[in-house]
Every structure is written in C-alpha cells, then in structure tokens.
Amino acid sequence: MSEAALFPDLLGPRWPSLPPSVRAMHGGRPLVRARGRVDVEGDLRLPARLLRALFRLPAPVSGAAIEVEIRQQAGAETWTRRFPGRVMRSRLRRSRRPGAFEEVIGASRFAFSPHCADGTLRWTACEVRLFGLPLPLRWFDGIAASCGEQEGRYRFAAAARLPWIGLLVAYSGWLEPLDAD
C-alpha cells in the first residue's frame, strides 16, 4: 500500500486539474475538518429506513448542518461525517484493483473507480462485498459520488439506489474548511 495521499496518488497527473477546494479536502493533510449544509433524501419505506439505520446512513433532512473530519494516515483516510442525529464513519484506502480505491463501512466494502472531468472528481462502484463475499455489481449500479467546486466552496453529492429498495440515500451540499494550514 502506498504511503502517499490517497487521491493525489490514484489520480496522478490528473490531480492538478481539480479545483483548489477539492485538492484542499483530499490532498493528504493529516487532518481536515469542515462544516457546511446538506440535503438528504431517501425512500421512507421500512426496508430503506432499516438499511440506513444498519449502515449508519443519514435520514432524510433538508438544509441541515453537517461536519466532516478526514484523518489521513499511511495512504488511507478515515472519514467521520456528522449528520443530524447520525454519525457515519468509513475508511478509504487503495483497492487491490488497479487505479481504484475502496471504502469500508461496517461489514461492507465498496471498490470505486475515480474519474476527473471538467473540474469534478467522480467515482462509481466497480466491486461490492458484504462480510467478504462478492455481491452482483448490477445490484449497485445506482451507487456513485462526486465532488467539485462552486463559488469557491467544496461541493459534494453521493447517492445509493438499490433494486427492490429504491433510493436508499442521496445527499448533497457544500463544505468550508474549519482550519487551514
């Protein structure tokens, strides 16, 4: 596993094409703390609500405060997202798949392929495992995330739509750093 910062290492020569706010959030500082606003959507039926609770995903809310902390260590990142009434933690690290990274949330592991275009960093699922067992990727083609910049602010969006469940969660908003190096 590389000791370099995760996203600059994965993106290589594409990294400098990203806007300053994206590079500041994902550039490998030991600790990044930010605050902002978020809108969260999700299906309100029982299966979606139960899965959100199981994986500590945020419940639907509009215009709420959010705090994010990213701790970088040894080429991996631990993300702590504080939504209203819920704290969501995950760990990002290089995947065994070339050019990909993985996010571990509880017993699930998602491998993502990152792409840069027009100042936006996007990632889509390329492998999913639950308790170490591979799951059909077609079940997860509705999972994607992106970040970019708008009016100098870091903007983010993430969505998870699953067959038989519907919209598990989708959240989007903006962040501003609490401290700067």
Protein backbone atom coordinates (compact mmCIF):
# COMPACT_ATOMS: atom_id res chain seq x y z
CA MET A 1 0.00 0.00 0.00
CA SER A 2 1.29 3.43 -0.92
CA GLU A 3 2.22 5.89 1.82
CA ALA A 4 1.25 8.83 -0.43
CA ALA A 5 -2.05 10.68 -0.04
CA LEU A 6 -4.83 8.54 -1.48
CA PHE A 7 -6.43 10.73 -4.15
CA PRO A 8 -3.31 12.52 -5.44
CA ASP A 9 -1.62 9.12 -5.69
CA LEU A 10 -4.56 7.50 -7.53
CA LEU A 11 -5.16 10.39 -9.92
CA GLY A 12 -1.51 11.16 -10.70
CA PRO A 13 -1.22 13.80 -13.45
CA ARG A 14 -5.00 14.41 -13.36
CA TRP A 15 -4.81 15.66 -9.74
CA PRO A 16 -3.73 19.28 -10.53
CA SER A 17 -6.77 19.71 -12.84
CA LEU A 18 -9.10 19.64 -9.82
CA PRO A 19 -10.19 22.92 -8.18
CA PRO A 20 -8.43 24.23 -5.06
CA SER A 21 -11.24 23.32 -2.63
CA VAL A 22 -11.20 19.68 -3.80
CA ARG A 23 -7.41 19.47 -3.54
CA ALA A 24 -7.60 21.02 -0.05
CA MET A 25 -10.12 18.40 1.16
CA HIS A 26 -8.40 15.39 -0.40
CA GLY A 27 -4.76 16.46 -0.64
CA GLY A 28 -3.43 14.38 2.21
CA ARG A 29 -3.18 16.78 5.14
CA PRO A 30 -3.14 14.75 8.37
CA LEU A 31 -6.45 16.27 9.48
CA VAL A 32 -9.12 18.15 7.55
CA ARG A 33 -12.17 19.50 9.34
CA ALA A 34 -15.04 21.21 7.55
CA ARG A 35 -18.59 22.41 8.14
CA GLY A 36 -21.43 23.10 5.80
CA ARG A 37 -25.00 22.33 4.81
CA VAL A 38 -26.54 19.16 3.43
CA ASP A 39 -29.78 17.94 1.90
CA VAL A 40 -30.53 14.24 2.37
CA GLU A 41 -33.15 12.22 0.51
CA GLY A 42 -34.20 8.60 0.85
CA ASP A 43 -37.12 6.25 0.46
CA LEU A 44 -39.33 6.34 3.54
CA ARG A 45 -40.50 2.72 3.32
CA LEU A 46 -39.38 0.33 6.06
CA PRO A 47 -36.66 -1.60 4.12
CA ALA A 48 -34.80 1.61 3.22
CA ARG A 49 -35.15 3.00 6.75
CA LEU A 50 -33.80 -0.24 8.26
CA LEU A 51 -30.81 -0.35 5.91
CA ARG A 52 -30.00 3.32 6.60
CA ALA A 53 -30.02 2.60 10.33
CA LEU A 54 -27.93 -0.58 9.92
CA PHE A 55 -25.20 1.21 7.94
CA ARG A 56 -25.47 4.45 9.95
CA LEU A 57 -26.52 6.38 6.84
CA PRO A 58 -28.26 9.73 7.30
CA ALA A 59 -32.03 10.07 7.40
CA PRO A 60 -33.82 12.48 5.03
CA VAL A 61 -33.46 16.12 6.02
CA SER A 62 -33.25 19.45 4.22
CA GLY A 63 -30.75 22.27 4.72
CA ALA A 64 -29.15 20.68 7.77
CA ALA A 65 -25.75 21.32 9.31
CA ILE A 66 -23.01 18.78 8.55
CA GLU A 67 -19.49 18.40 9.90
CA VAL A 68 -16.84 16.29 8.21
CA GLU A 69 -13.47 15.19 9.51
CA ILE A 70 -10.93 13.41 7.31
CA ARG A 71 -7.89 11.88 9.00
CA GLN A 72 -5.13 10.80 6.64
CA GLN A 73 -2.62 8.21 7.74
CA ALA A 74 -0.37 5.87 5.75
CA GLY A 75 -2.16 6.46 2.44
CA ALA A 76 -5.62 5.82 3.89
CA GLU A 77 -8.34 8.19 5.07
CA THR A 78 -10.84 7.83 7.91
CA TRP A 79 -13.94 9.91 7.24
CA THR A 80 -16.32 10.93 10.00
CA ARG A 81 -19.48 12.65 8.78
CA ARG A 82 -21.76 14.17 11.41
CA PHE A 83 -25.30 14.45 10.09
CA PRO A 84 -28.27 15.44 12.28
CA GLY A 85 -28.84 12.52 14.66
CA ARG A 86 -26.30 10.23 12.99
CA VAL A 87 -22.53 9.83 12.75
CA MET A 88 -21.29 7.96 9.68
CA ARG A 89 -17.71 6.66 9.66
CA SER A 90 -15.85 4.96 6.87
CA ARG A 91 -12.30 4.16 5.86
CA LEU A 92 -10.93 4.78 2.38
CA ARG A 93 -7.79 3.08 1.11
CA ARG A 94 -6.25 1.82 -2.11
CA SER A 95 -8.02 -1.17 -3.58
CA ARG A 96 -6.37 -4.31 -4.89
CA ARG A 97 -7.96 -3.31 -8.21
CA PRO A 98 -5.55 -1.13 -10.23
CA GLY A 99 -6.48 2.56 -10.19
CA ALA A 100 -9.30 2.06 -7.68
CA PHE A 101 -9.92 2.76 -4.01
CA GLU A 102 -12.21 1.08 -1.53
CA GLU A 103 -14.49 2.39 1.16
CA VAL A 104 -15.22 0.20 4.15
CA ILE A 105 -18.46 0.87 6.02
CA GLY A 106 -19.13 -1.71 8.72
CA ALA A 107 -19.21 -5.18 7.12
CA SER A 108 -19.42 -3.78 3.58
CA ARG A 109 -16.58 -2.92 1.23
CA PHE A 110 -17.11 -0.92 -1.94
CA ALA A 111 -14.37 -0.56 -4.57
CA PHE A 112 -14.65 2.62 -6.66
CA SER A 113 -13.05 3.83 -9.88
CA PRO A 114 -12.27 7.56 -9.74
CA HIS A 115 -12.58 9.82 -12.82
CA CYS A 116 -11.82 13.53 -13.35
CA ALA A 117 -13.64 15.70 -15.88
CA ASP A 118 -14.44 19.41 -16.04
CA GLY A 119 -13.09 20.10 -12.54
CA THR A 120 -15.20 17.36 -10.95
CA LEU A 121 -14.00 14.19 -9.28
CA ARG A 122 -16.48 11.32 -9.72
CA TRP A 123 -16.37 7.75 -8.52
CA THR A 124 -18.56 4.77 -9.36
CA ALA A 125 -18.74 1.32 -7.79
CA CYS A 126 -16.72 -1.42 -9.51
CA GLU A 127 -16.94 -4.09 -6.78
CA VAL A 128 -19.05 -4.70 -3.67
CA ARG A 129 -18.52 -7.18 -0.86
CA LEU A 130 -20.57 -7.86 2.25
CA PHE A 131 -18.91 -9.87 5.04
CA GLY A 132 -16.14 -10.54 2.48
CA LEU A 133 -18.50 -12.16 -0.03
CA PRO A 134 -18.79 -10.61 -3.51
CA LEU A 135 -22.23 -9.33 -4.49
CA PRO A 136 -23.51 -8.82 -8.06
CA LEU A 137 -22.34 -5.41 -9.24
CA ARG A 138 -25.61 -4.87 -11.15
CA TRP A 139 -27.32 -4.50 -7.77
CA PHE A 140 -25.14 -1.46 -7.10
CA ASP A 141 -25.02 0.42 -10.39
CA GLY A 142 -27.02 3.16 -8.66
CA ILE A 143 -24.13 3.99 -6.31
CA ALA A 144 -21.96 6.97 -7.24
CA ALA A 145 -20.41 10.07 -5.74
CA SER A 146 -18.80 13.29 -6.89
CA CYS A 147 -17.15 16.42 -5.61
CA GLY A 148 -16.23 19.70 -7.21
CA GLU A 149 -16.29 23.41 -6.55
CA GLN A 150 -18.99 26.04 -6.85
CA GLU A 151 -18.44 29.69 -5.90
CA GLY A 152 -15.20 28.72 -4.15
CA ARG A 153 -16.87 26.11 -1.95
CA TYR A 154 -16.31 22.38 -1.91
CA ARG A 155 -19.48 20.74 -3.28
CA PHE A 156 -20.33 17.06 -2.84
CA ALA A 157 -23.01 14.58 -3.85
CA ALA A 158 -23.47 10.88 -3.14
CA ALA A 159 -26.30 8.51 -3.96
CA ALA A 160 -27.18 4.87 -3.39
CA ARG A 161 -30.15 3.44 -5.25
CA LEU A 162 -30.74 -0.29 -4.88
CA PRO A 163 -33.09 -2.68 -6.68
CA TRP A 164 -36.07 -3.73 -4.56
CA ILE A 165 -35.28 -0.89 -2.11
CA GLY A 166 -35.33 2.26 -4.20
CA LEU A 167 -33.40 5.34 -3.11
CA LEU A 168 -31.53 4.20 -0.03
CA VAL A 169 -29.87 7.58 0.42
CA ALA A 170 -28.77 10.58 -1.61
CA TYR A 171 -27.05 13.55 -0.05
CA SER A 172 -25.55 16.72 -1.45
CA GLY A 173 -24.29 20.01 -0.15
CA TRP A 174 -21.25 22.15 0.48
CA LEU A 175 -18.39 22.36 2.97
CA GLU A 176 -15.94 25.03 4.09
CA PRO A 177 -12.74 24.22 5.99
CA LEU A 178 -12.67 24.99 9.72
CA ASP A 179 -8.92 25.34 9.79
CA ALA A 180 -6.27 25.86 7.16
CA ASP A 181 -2.59 25.02 7.01
